[in-house]
Amino acid sequence: MLAVALSPASATVPFMPSALDTPRGAAELAESLLPPLGNRWLHTQAVAARAVEASRALSESERDLLVAAAWLHDIGYAPDLRDTGFHPLDGARYLASLGAPDRLVRLVAHHSGAVYEAEQRGLSAELAAYEREDSPLLDALIFADMTTGPAGQLFDFDRRMDEILVRYEPGSVVHTAISKARPYLGAAVERTLARLGDQPM
């Protein structure tokens, strides 16, 4: 369990002395928030494991950050962090409040095509406060999330897309957003697979 001290500046905002952009620090924070959410916690653990595999597509200096972002990508679902109801934005804001490194905050804000759902929710301006990077690292984070099912199953990209579109009814925010995001997400997955080459996953 994560030990949290309170910042002198605020009795409500936790202060994180550990490095959140490391796999250990990120995993500890995720474990302090997500286990009550059941499948969401199973998904998060599996995405982190998938990120470890995908990290071979990156330079060694970026591998830990990828895995940390994978651990934290869905923390915005935690009920205590819910503000806008849009989990990438709520998660990013929470990490920023903890003083997490800016790049980690931006990766969480923009994981898995968040800009498409932000548009559907009328939150594009709020999300734009966090600059999106187009990089192998963000591609690998998308790959890890978009090849992992809702309870941690190992899926290929098309199966993952199909299950999301079945889970959310046509016309819903998520169904519309993921339909629009599909080419962008698929390209990120393909780029990551290409970077991994013939290495077994």
Protein backbone atom coordinates (compact mmCIF):
# COMPACT_ATOMS: atom_id res chain seq x y z
CA MET A 1 0.00 0.00 0.00
CA LEU A 2 1.22 3.48 -0.77
CA ALA A 3 2.31 5.68 2.09
CA VAL A 4 1.08 9.22 1.51
CA ALA A 5 2.12 12.29 3.44
CA LEU A 6 0.12 15.50 3.34
CA SER A 7 1.57 18.58 1.77
CA PRO A 8 1.93 21.53 4.13
CA ALA A 9 0.24 23.64 1.46
CA SER A 10 -2.93 21.61 1.52
CA ALA A 11 -4.46 19.07 3.85
CA THR A 12 -6.42 17.53 0.98
CA VAL A 13 -3.82 17.10 -1.74
CA PRO A 14 -1.40 14.21 -1.10
CA PHE A 15 2.27 14.79 -1.59
CA MET A 16 4.16 12.02 -3.36
CA PRO A 17 7.78 11.69 -2.31
CA SER A 18 8.40 8.67 -4.53
CA ALA A 19 9.08 8.93 -8.25
CA LEU A 20 5.80 8.42 -10.08
CA ASP A 21 7.57 8.06 -13.42
CA THR A 22 9.11 4.78 -12.25
CA PRO A 23 7.27 1.46 -12.49
CA ARG A 24 7.42 0.93 -8.73
CA GLY A 25 6.12 4.34 -7.75
CA ALA A 26 3.39 4.24 -10.39
CA ALA A 27 2.33 0.73 -9.42
CA GLU A 28 2.07 1.74 -5.76
CA LEU A 29 -0.17 4.69 -6.60
CA ALA A 30 -2.35 2.60 -8.90
CA GLU A 31 -2.68 -0.07 -6.23
CA SER A 32 -3.82 2.54 -3.73
CA LEU A 33 -6.71 3.59 -5.99
CA LEU A 34 -7.88 0.90 -8.39
CA PRO A 35 -8.35 -2.53 -6.72
CA PRO A 36 -11.95 -1.77 -5.64
CA LEU A 37 -12.82 -1.31 -9.32
CA GLY A 38 -12.45 -5.02 -10.08
CA ASN A 39 -11.94 -5.54 -13.80
CA ARG A 40 -10.44 -2.07 -14.18
CA TRP A 41 -7.64 -3.16 -11.83
CA LEU A 42 -7.18 -6.41 -13.73
CA HIS A 43 -6.99 -4.44 -16.97
CA THR A 44 -4.46 -2.01 -15.52
CA GLN A 45 -2.14 -4.77 -14.29
CA ALA A 46 -2.28 -6.48 -17.68
CA VAL A 47 -1.65 -3.23 -19.57
CA ALA A 48 1.43 -2.67 -17.41
CA ALA A 49 2.67 -6.18 -18.20
CA ARG A 50 2.00 -5.59 -21.89
CA ALA A 51 3.93 -2.32 -21.68
CA VAL A 52 6.94 -4.19 -20.31
CA GLU A 53 6.84 -6.35 -23.44
CA ALA A 54 6.31 -3.36 -25.75
CA SER A 55 9.11 -1.38 -24.08
CA ARG A 56 11.58 -3.21 -26.33
CA ALA A 57 10.34 -0.90 -29.09
CA LEU A 58 11.79 2.08 -27.21
CA SER A 59 15.18 3.36 -26.21
CA GLU A 60 16.24 2.08 -22.82
CA SER A 61 15.91 5.55 -21.30
CA GLU A 62 12.14 5.62 -22.00
CA ARG A 63 11.15 2.13 -20.94
CA ASP A 64 10.43 2.85 -17.29
CA LEU A 65 8.31 5.87 -18.21
CA LEU A 66 6.20 3.73 -20.54
CA VAL A 67 5.53 1.18 -17.83
CA ALA A 68 4.74 3.92 -15.30
CA ALA A 69 2.27 5.51 -17.71
CA ALA A 70 0.65 2.11 -18.26
CA TRP A 71 0.15 1.66 -14.51
CA LEU A 72 -1.41 5.12 -14.26
CA HIS A 73 -3.35 5.45 -17.50
CA ASP A 74 -6.73 4.64 -15.93
CA ILE A 75 -6.41 6.13 -12.43
CA GLY A 76 -8.93 8.80 -13.44
CA TYR A 77 -11.62 6.12 -13.03
CA ALA A 78 -11.04 6.07 -9.26
CA PRO A 79 -14.21 7.50 -7.64
CA ASP A 80 -12.24 9.85 -5.39
CA LEU A 81 -10.56 11.43 -8.42
CA ARG A 82 -13.70 11.89 -10.48
CA ASP A 83 -14.20 15.51 -11.50
CA THR A 84 -15.15 15.90 -15.15
CA GLY A 85 -16.05 12.22 -15.55
CA PHE A 86 -13.51 11.97 -18.37
CA HIS A 87 -10.87 9.66 -16.96
CA PRO A 88 -7.80 10.75 -18.98
CA LEU A 89 -8.33 14.35 -17.93
CA ASP A 90 -9.20 13.54 -14.32
CA GLY A 91 -6.17 11.26 -14.04
CA ALA A 92 -3.84 13.85 -15.55
CA ARG A 93 -5.10 16.58 -13.26
CA TYR A 94 -4.60 14.39 -10.22
CA LEU A 95 -1.05 13.50 -11.24
CA ALA A 96 -0.30 17.17 -11.85
CA SER A 97 -1.59 17.96 -8.36
CA LEU A 98 0.93 15.46 -6.99
CA GLY A 99 3.78 17.17 -8.80
CA ALA A 100 4.27 14.26 -11.20
CA PRO A 101 6.67 14.85 -14.11
CA ASP A 102 5.02 16.77 -16.93
CA ARG A 103 5.66 14.14 -19.56
CA LEU A 104 3.96 11.45 -17.48
CA VAL A 105 0.96 13.73 -16.94
CA ARG A 106 0.70 14.38 -20.69
CA LEU A 107 0.94 10.68 -21.56
CA VAL A 108 -1.93 9.86 -19.20
CA ALA A 109 -3.96 12.79 -20.56
CA HIS A 110 -3.57 11.61 -24.15
CA HIS A 111 -3.54 7.84 -23.87
CA SER A 112 -5.46 5.89 -26.49
CA GLY A 113 -6.84 8.73 -28.54
CA ALA A 114 -8.30 10.74 -25.67
CA VAL A 115 -8.61 13.77 -27.93
CA TYR A 116 -11.43 12.06 -29.84
CA GLU A 117 -13.50 11.46 -26.72
CA ALA A 118 -12.70 14.93 -25.37
CA GLU A 119 -14.28 16.35 -28.52
CA GLN A 120 -17.45 14.33 -27.96
CA ARG A 121 -17.62 15.48 -24.32
CA GLY A 122 -16.99 19.14 -25.04
CA LEU A 123 -13.69 18.98 -23.15
CA SER A 124 -11.23 19.65 -25.98
CA ALA A 125 -10.01 22.93 -24.50
CA GLU A 126 -9.44 21.37 -21.09
CA LEU A 127 -7.48 18.47 -22.57
CA ALA A 128 -5.46 20.85 -24.74
CA ALA A 129 -3.89 22.23 -21.56
CA TYR A 130 -1.72 19.09 -21.82
CA GLU A 131 0.31 18.98 -25.01
CA ARG A 132 0.14 15.70 -26.90
CA GLU A 133 3.39 14.20 -28.11
CA ASP A 134 3.51 12.08 -31.23
CA SER A 135 6.22 9.61 -30.36
CA PRO A 136 7.15 5.93 -30.18
CA LEU A 137 6.45 6.13 -26.44
CA LEU A 138 2.83 7.25 -26.87
CA ASP A 139 2.44 4.67 -29.65
CA ALA A 140 3.65 1.93 -27.29
CA LEU A 141 1.24 3.06 -24.55
CA ILE A 142 -1.61 2.93 -27.06
CA PHE A 143 -0.43 -0.51 -28.14
CA ALA A 144 -0.43 -1.81 -24.56
CA ASP A 145 -3.94 -0.50 -23.87
CA MET A 146 -5.42 -1.40 -27.24
CA THR A 147 -4.27 -5.02 -27.14
CA THR A 148 -5.54 -5.68 -23.60
CA GLY A 149 -9.16 -6.52 -22.86
CA PRO A 150 -11.35 -5.04 -20.12
CA ALA A 151 -10.48 -7.81 -17.64
CA GLY A 152 -6.85 -8.20 -18.69
CA GLN A 153 -7.35 -10.50 -21.67
CA LEU A 154 -4.73 -10.52 -24.42
CA PHE A 155 -6.49 -9.27 -27.57
CA ASP A 156 -5.33 -8.27 -31.01
CA PHE A 157 -6.23 -4.74 -32.04
CA ASP A 158 -9.33 -5.56 -34.06
CA ARG A 159 -10.80 -7.74 -31.33
CA ARG A 160 -10.17 -5.00 -28.78
CA MET A 161 -11.91 -2.44 -30.97
CA ASP A 162 -14.84 -4.77 -31.55
CA GLU A 163 -15.35 -5.46 -27.85
CA ILE A 164 -15.39 -1.73 -27.06
CA LEU A 165 -17.94 -1.10 -29.79
CA VAL A 166 -20.13 -3.90 -28.43
CA ARG A 167 -19.76 -2.76 -24.81
CA TYR A 168 -20.84 0.81 -25.59
CA GLU A 169 -24.03 1.31 -27.56
CA PRO A 170 -24.07 3.12 -30.91
CA GLY A 171 -24.51 6.85 -30.43
CA SER A 172 -22.83 6.85 -27.03
CA VAL A 173 -19.84 9.11 -26.43
CA VAL A 174 -17.36 6.24 -26.24
CA HIS A 175 -18.76 4.36 -29.25
CA THR A 176 -18.62 7.49 -31.41
CA ALA A 177 -15.16 8.49 -30.18
CA ILE A 178 -13.57 5.06 -30.59
CA SER A 179 -15.06 4.73 -34.08
CA LYS A 180 -13.44 8.02 -35.10
CA ALA A 181 -10.18 7.17 -33.31
CA ARG A 182 -9.81 3.71 -34.83
CA PRO A 183 -7.50 4.68 -37.74
CA TYR A 184 -5.27 6.72 -35.41
CA LEU A 185 -5.12 3.94 -32.82
CA GLY A 186 -4.54 1.25 -35.42
CA ALA A 187 -1.64 3.20 -36.92
CA ALA A 188 -0.01 3.52 -33.48
CA VAL A 189 -0.34 -0.22 -32.90
CA GLU A 190 1.12 -0.98 -36.34
CA ARG A 191 4.06 1.35 -35.77
CA THR A 192 4.82 -0.33 -32.47
CA LEU A 193 4.65 -3.78 -34.02
CA ALA A 194 7.00 -2.60 -36.76
CA ARG A 195 9.45 -1.26 -34.18
CA LEU A 196 9.33 -4.58 -32.36
CA GLY A 197 10.10 -6.32 -35.64
CA ASP A 198 10.16 -10.08 -35.44
CA GLN A 199 10.60 -10.14 -31.68
CA PRO A 200 8.00 -12.43 -30.05
CA MET A 201 5.39 -10.74 -27.88
